[in-house]
Amino acid sequence: QVQLVESGGGLVQAGGSLRLSCAASGSTFSFRVMRWYRQAPGQQRELVAAVTSGGSTNYADSVKGRFTISRDYAKNTVYLQMNSLKPEDTSVYYCNAGDYYYREYWGQGTQVTVSS
């Protein structure tokens, strides 16, 4: 059974940085795409960044130039480097992975809080 485990969340001051990690276990294959979503209280879950198996990336406009998504294919791990954090980045961040059968997997989420 595939499991995604996020780590790296926490409390940081505005302007600071955090690096989120998401390690996939229980899978012998790589994923077609890996993504980071976030959801703030009372808001819909939104896509933050995605990276495909070919290395293509895309970002939400709100994080372009500040966040970087990357993958370690050997470790089946995806990262989200978050710089110049703003209070509005405060959310629970979720890792998501899609396989080649178009099944989706989700992590449990990690809280990121940015204080002003």
N, C-alpha and C. Protein backbone atom coordinates (compact mmCIF):
# COMPACT_ATOMS: atom_id res chain seq x y z
N GLN A 1 0.84 -1.18 0.00
CA GLN A 1 0.00 0.00 0.00
C GLN A 1 0.88 1.24 0.00
N VAL A 2 0.56 2.16 -0.89
CA VAL A 2 1.36 3.37 -1.01
C VAL A 2 1.05 4.32 0.14
N GLN A 3 2.09 4.85 0.72
CA GLN A 3 1.94 5.88 1.76
C GLN A 3 2.82 7.06 1.42
N LEU A 4 2.29 8.24 1.64
CA LEU A 4 3.06 9.47 1.48
C LEU A 4 3.18 10.11 2.86
N VAL A 5 4.40 10.42 3.24
CA VAL A 5 4.65 11.00 4.56
C VAL A 5 5.36 12.32 4.40
N GLU A 6 4.68 13.39 4.83
CA GLU A 6 5.26 14.73 4.74
C GLU A 6 6.02 15.06 6.01
N SER A 7 6.98 15.94 5.87
CA SER A 7 7.71 16.47 7.02
C SER A 7 8.25 17.84 6.65
N GLY A 8 8.68 18.58 7.67
CA GLY A 8 9.32 19.86 7.43
C GLY A 8 8.48 21.08 7.72
N GLY A 9 7.22 20.89 8.07
CA GLY A 9 6.39 22.04 8.40
C GLY A 9 6.80 22.65 9.73
N GLY A 10 6.21 23.79 10.05
CA GLY A 10 6.52 24.44 11.32
C GLY A 10 6.12 25.89 11.31
N LEU A 11 6.66 26.60 12.29
CA LEU A 11 6.39 28.03 12.47
C LEU A 11 7.61 28.82 12.04
N VAL A 12 7.38 29.83 11.21
CA VAL A 12 8.48 30.65 10.71
C VAL A 12 8.01 32.09 10.61
N GLN A 13 8.93 33.02 10.74
CA GLN A 13 8.59 34.43 10.58
C GLN A 13 8.48 34.79 9.11
N ALA A 14 7.71 35.80 8.83
CA ALA A 14 7.59 36.29 7.46
C ALA A 14 8.98 36.61 6.91
N GLY A 15 9.19 36.21 5.65
CA GLY A 15 10.49 36.39 5.02
C GLY A 15 11.41 35.19 5.17
N GLY A 16 11.03 34.27 6.03
CA GLY A 16 11.85 33.10 6.27
C GLY A 16 11.61 31.99 5.25
N SER A 17 12.24 30.85 5.50
CA SER A 17 12.20 29.73 4.57
C SER A 17 11.89 28.43 5.31
N LEU A 18 11.27 27.53 4.58
CA LEU A 18 11.05 26.17 5.05
C LEU A 18 11.20 25.23 3.87
N ARG A 19 11.56 24.00 4.17
CA ARG A 19 11.63 22.97 3.12
C ARG A 19 10.78 21.80 3.53
N LEU A 20 9.78 21.52 2.73
CA LEU A 20 8.91 20.37 2.98
C LEU A 20 9.42 19.16 2.19
N SER A 21 9.27 18.00 2.80
CA SER A 21 9.62 16.74 2.14
C SER A 21 8.42 15.82 2.15
N CYS A 22 8.34 14.99 1.13
CA CYS A 22 7.28 14.00 1.06
C CYS A 22 7.90 12.71 0.53
N ALA A 23 7.96 11.71 1.38
CA ALA A 23 8.56 10.43 1.01
C ALA A 23 7.46 9.41 0.74
N ALA A 24 7.56 8.74 -0.39
CA ALA A 24 6.60 7.70 -0.75
C ALA A 24 7.16 6.34 -0.40
N SER A 25 6.34 5.53 0.22
CA SER A 25 6.74 4.16 0.54
C SER A 25 5.67 3.20 0.05
N GLY A 26 6.06 1.93 -0.07
CA GLY A 26 5.11 0.91 -0.49
C GLY A 26 4.91 0.85 -1.98
N SER A 27 5.78 1.53 -2.71
CA SER A 27 5.64 1.54 -4.16
C SER A 27 6.97 1.18 -4.79
N THR A 28 6.92 0.33 -5.79
CA THR A 28 8.15 -0.03 -6.49
C THR A 28 8.29 0.74 -7.80
N PHE A 29 7.33 1.61 -8.07
CA PHE A 29 7.38 2.36 -9.31
C PHE A 29 7.41 3.85 -9.00
N SER A 30 7.86 4.59 -9.97
CA SER A 30 7.84 6.04 -9.80
C SER A 30 6.46 6.56 -10.17
N PHE A 31 6.19 7.77 -9.82
CA PHE A 31 4.89 8.37 -10.05
C PHE A 31 4.91 9.24 -11.30
N ARG A 32 3.77 9.28 -11.97
CA ARG A 32 3.60 10.10 -13.15
C ARG A 32 3.76 11.58 -12.80
N VAL A 33 3.23 11.98 -11.68
CA VAL A 33 3.29 13.37 -11.25
C VAL A 33 3.26 13.40 -9.72
N MET A 34 3.93 14.38 -9.16
CA MET A 34 3.88 14.62 -7.72
C MET A 34 3.58 16.09 -7.51
N ARG A 35 2.73 16.37 -6.54
CA ARG A 35 2.23 17.73 -6.36
C ARG A 35 2.22 18.10 -4.88
N TRP A 36 2.21 19.38 -4.63
CA TRP A 36 1.92 19.95 -3.33
C TRP A 36 0.66 20.78 -3.44
N TYR A 37 -0.26 20.54 -2.53
CA TYR A 37 -1.46 21.35 -2.38
C TYR A 37 -1.40 22.01 -1.01
N ARG A 38 -2.25 23.00 -0.82
CA ARG A 38 -2.41 23.58 0.51
C ARG A 38 -3.87 23.95 0.73
N GLN A 39 -4.24 23.97 2.00
CA GLN A 39 -5.60 24.33 2.36
C GLN A 39 -5.59 25.09 3.67
N ALA A 40 -6.06 26.33 3.59
CA ALA A 40 -6.20 27.17 4.77
C ALA A 40 -7.61 26.98 5.34
N PRO A 41 -7.81 27.28 6.62
CA PRO A 41 -9.14 27.12 7.23
C PRO A 41 -10.21 27.87 6.46
N GLY A 42 -11.30 27.20 6.15
CA GLY A 42 -12.41 27.84 5.45
C GLY A 42 -12.19 28.05 3.97
N GLN A 43 -11.08 27.55 3.45
CA GLN A 43 -10.76 27.75 2.04
C GLN A 43 -10.69 26.41 1.32
N GLN A 44 -10.81 26.47 0.00
CA GLN A 44 -10.66 25.26 -0.80
C GLN A 44 -9.19 24.88 -0.91
N ARG A 45 -8.98 23.59 -1.10
CA ARG A 45 -7.62 23.12 -1.31
C ARG A 45 -7.14 23.63 -2.67
N GLU A 46 -5.92 24.15 -2.70
CA GLU A 46 -5.40 24.69 -3.96
C GLU A 46 -4.07 24.06 -4.31
N LEU A 47 -3.83 23.92 -5.60
CA LEU A 47 -2.58 23.39 -6.09
C LEU A 47 -1.49 24.44 -5.94
N VAL A 48 -0.39 24.05 -5.34
CA VAL A 48 0.73 24.96 -5.15
C VAL A 48 1.79 24.74 -6.23
N ALA A 49 2.17 23.48 -6.43
CA ALA A 49 3.22 23.17 -7.39
C ALA A 49 3.13 21.71 -7.79
N ALA A 50 3.64 21.42 -8.99
CA ALA A 50 3.63 20.05 -9.48
C ALA A 50 4.90 19.78 -10.27
N VAL A 51 5.32 18.53 -10.27
CA VAL A 51 6.47 18.12 -11.07
C VAL A 51 6.16 16.75 -11.68
N THR A 52 6.39 16.64 -12.98
CA THR A 52 6.08 15.38 -13.66
C THR A 52 7.30 14.46 -13.65
N SER A 53 7.08 13.25 -14.13
CA SER A 53 8.18 12.30 -14.19
C SER A 53 9.26 12.77 -15.16
N GLY A 54 8.88 13.62 -16.12
CA GLY A 54 9.85 14.16 -17.06
C GLY A 54 10.54 15.40 -16.56
N GLY A 55 10.16 15.87 -15.38
CA GLY A 55 10.83 17.02 -14.79
C GLY A 55 10.15 18.36 -15.05
N SER A 56 9.02 18.34 -15.77
CA SER A 56 8.31 19.60 -15.99
C SER A 56 7.65 20.05 -14.69
N THR A 57 7.68 21.35 -14.48
CA THR A 57 7.10 21.90 -13.26
C THR A 57 6.08 22.98 -13.59
N ASN A 58 5.15 23.19 -12.69
CA ASN A 58 4.27 24.34 -12.77
C ASN A 58 3.91 24.78 -11.36
N TYR A 59 3.59 26.07 -11.25
CA TYR A 59 3.38 26.70 -9.96
C TYR A 59 2.13 27.56 -9.97
N ALA A 60 1.53 27.69 -8.81
CA ALA A 60 0.47 28.69 -8.65
C ALA A 60 1.11 30.06 -8.79
N ASP A 61 0.36 30.99 -9.35
CA ASP A 61 0.90 32.34 -9.54
C ASP A 61 1.35 32.96 -8.22
N SER A 62 0.67 32.62 -7.15
CA SER A 62 0.95 33.23 -5.85
C SER A 62 2.30 32.81 -5.27
N VAL A 63 2.89 31.74 -5.80
CA VAL A 63 4.16 31.26 -5.23
C VAL A 63 5.31 31.30 -6.23
N LYS A 64 5.02 31.67 -7.47
CA LYS A 64 6.07 31.71 -8.48
C LYS A 64 7.20 32.63 -8.06
N GLY A 65 8.42 32.15 -8.23
CA GLY A 65 9.59 32.93 -7.86
C GLY A 65 9.99 32.80 -6.40
N ARG A 66 9.12 32.18 -5.60
CA ARG A 66 9.42 32.00 -4.17
C ARG A 66 9.55 30.53 -3.79
N PHE A 67 8.77 29.68 -4.41
CA PHE A 67 8.76 28.25 -4.09
C PHE A 67 9.40 27.47 -5.23
N THR A 68 10.06 26.37 -4.88
CA THR A 68 10.65 25.48 -5.88
C THR A 68 10.32 24.05 -5.53
N ILE A 69 9.75 23.33 -6.49
CA ILE A 69 9.47 21.90 -6.30
C ILE A 69 10.55 21.10 -6.99
N SER A 70 10.94 20.00 -6.35
CA SER A 70 11.96 19.13 -6.92
C SER A 70 11.69 17.69 -6.51
N ARG A 71 12.28 16.77 -7.23
CA ARG A 71 12.08 15.34 -6.98
C ARG A 71 13.41 14.63 -6.91
N ASP A 72 13.46 13.65 -6.03
CA ASP A 72 14.55 12.68 -5.99
C ASP A 72 13.93 11.36 -6.44
N TYR A 73 14.19 10.98 -7.70
CA TYR A 73 13.53 9.81 -8.25
C TYR A 73 13.99 8.53 -7.58
N ALA A 74 15.25 8.48 -7.21
CA ALA A 74 15.78 7.28 -6.58
C ALA A 74 15.12 7.04 -5.22
N LYS A 75 14.81 8.13 -4.52
CA LYS A 75 14.20 8.02 -3.20
C LYS A 75 12.69 8.13 -3.23
N ASN A 76 12.12 8.35 -4.42
CA ASN A 76 10.67 8.55 -4.55
C ASN A 76 10.19 9.62 -3.58
N THR A 77 10.89 10.73 -3.58
CA THR A 77 10.64 11.83 -2.65
C THR A 77 10.48 13.12 -3.43
N VAL A 78 9.56 13.95 -2.98
CA VAL A 78 9.38 15.26 -3.57
C VAL A 78 9.58 16.31 -2.48
N TYR A 79 10.15 17.44 -2.87
CA TYR A 79 10.46 18.52 -1.93
C TYR A 79 9.75 19.80 -2.38
N LEU A 80 9.54 20.67 -1.42
CA LEU A 80 9.04 22.00 -1.72
C LEU A 80 9.88 22.99 -0.91
N GLN A 81 10.75 23.69 -1.60
CA GLN A 81 11.55 24.73 -0.96
C GLN A 81 10.74 26.02 -1.00
N MET A 82 10.47 26.57 0.17
CA MET A 82 9.63 27.76 0.27
C MET A 82 10.45 28.90 0.84
N ASN A 83 10.67 29.93 0.05
CA ASN A 83 11.44 31.10 0.47
C ASN A 83 10.54 32.32 0.51
N SER A 84 11.01 33.35 1.16
CA SER A 84 10.27 34.62 1.25
C SER A 84 8.82 34.37 1.67
N LEU A 85 8.66 33.60 2.71
CA LEU A 85 7.31 33.20 3.13
C LEU A 85 6.52 34.41 3.63
N LYS A 86 5.22 34.36 3.36
CA LYS A 86 4.30 35.41 3.75
C LYS A 86 3.23 34.83 4.68
N PRO A 87 2.61 35.67 5.49
CA PRO A 87 1.54 35.15 6.36
C PRO A 87 0.44 34.43 5.58
N GLU A 88 0.18 34.88 4.37
CA GLU A 88 -0.88 34.23 3.57
C GLU A 88 -0.48 32.85 3.06
N ASP A 89 0.76 32.45 3.27
CA ASP A 89 1.18 31.08 2.93
C ASP A 89 0.80 30.09 4.04
N THR A 90 0.31 30.62 5.15
CA THR A 90 -0.09 29.76 6.26
C THR A 90 -1.20 28.82 5.82
N SER A 91 -0.96 27.52 5.94
CA SER A 91 -1.90 26.49 5.50
C SER A 91 -1.42 25.14 5.98
N VAL A 92 -2.28 24.16 5.80
CA VAL A 92 -1.83 22.77 5.85
C VAL A 92 -1.42 22.39 4.44
N TYR A 93 -0.20 21.89 4.31
CA TYR A 93 0.33 21.50 3.01
C TYR A 93 0.23 19.98 2.86
N TYR A 94 -0.30 19.57 1.72
CA TYR A 94 -0.52 18.15 1.44
C TYR A 94 0.29 17.72 0.22
N CYS A 95 0.90 16.57 0.34
CA CYS A 95 1.58 15.93 -0.77
C CYS A 95 0.59 15.05 -1.52
N ASN A 96 0.71 15.05 -2.83
CA ASN A 96 -0.17 14.23 -3.67
C ASN A 96 0.68 13.58 -4.75
N ALA A 97 0.34 12.35 -5.09
CA ALA A 97 1.05 11.66 -6.16
C ALA A 97 0.05 10.93 -7.05
N GLY A 98 0.31 10.98 -8.34
CA GLY A 98 -0.52 10.28 -9.29
C GLY A 98 0.29 9.24 -10.03
N ASP A 99 -0.23 8.01 -10.10
CA ASP A 99 0.54 6.97 -10.79
C ASP A 99 0.09 6.84 -12.24
N TYR A 100 0.65 5.88 -12.94
CA TYR A 100 0.39 5.72 -14.36
C TYR A 100 -0.96 5.06 -14.64
N TYR A 101 -1.67 4.62 -13.60
CA TYR A 101 -3.04 4.14 -13.74
C TYR A 101 -4.03 5.23 -13.34
N TYR A 102 -3.51 6.44 -13.12
CA TYR A 102 -4.30 7.61 -12.75
C TYR A 102 -4.99 7.43 -11.40
N ARG A 103 -4.35 6.67 -10.52
CA ARG A 103 -4.78 6.64 -9.13
C ARG A 103 -4.06 7.75 -8.40
N GLU A 104 -4.73 8.30 -7.39
CA GLU A 104 -4.19 9.42 -6.65
C GLU A 104 -3.95 9.00 -5.20
N TYR A 105 -2.87 9.51 -4.63
CA TYR A 105 -2.51 9.22 -3.25
C TYR A 105 -2.25 10.53 -2.54
N TRP A 106 -2.57 10.54 -1.25
CA TRP A 106 -2.44 11.77 -0.46
C TRP A 106 -1.68 11.49 0.83
N GLY A 107 -0.90 12.47 1.24
CA GLY A 107 -0.30 12.44 2.55
C GLY A 107 -1.26 12.98 3.59
N GLN A 108 -0.79 12.99 4.84
CA GLN A 108 -1.66 13.40 5.95
C GLN A 108 -1.66 14.91 6.17
N GLY A 109 -0.71 15.59 5.56
CA GLY A 109 -0.64 17.03 5.69
C GLY A 109 0.36 17.47 6.75
N THR A 110 0.94 18.62 6.53
CA THR A 110 1.85 19.22 7.49
C THR A 110 1.54 20.70 7.60
N GLN A 111 1.50 21.20 8.83
CA GLN A 111 1.11 22.60 9.06
C GLN A 111 2.30 23.52 8.83
N VAL A 112 2.04 24.57 8.08
CA VAL A 112 3.00 25.66 7.92
C VAL A 112 2.33 26.93 8.42
N THR A 113 2.98 27.59 9.37
CA THR A 113 2.45 28.83 9.93
C THR A 113 3.51 29.91 9.78
N VAL A 114 3.12 31.01 9.15
CA VAL A 114 4.02 32.13 8.93
C VAL A 114 3.51 33.31 9.75
N SER A 115 4.32 33.76 10.67
CA SER A 115 3.92 34.87 11.54
C SER A 115 4.40 36.20 10.94
N SER A 116 3.62 37.23 11.17
CA SER A 116 3.97 38.55 10.62
C SER A 116 4.83 39.34 11.59
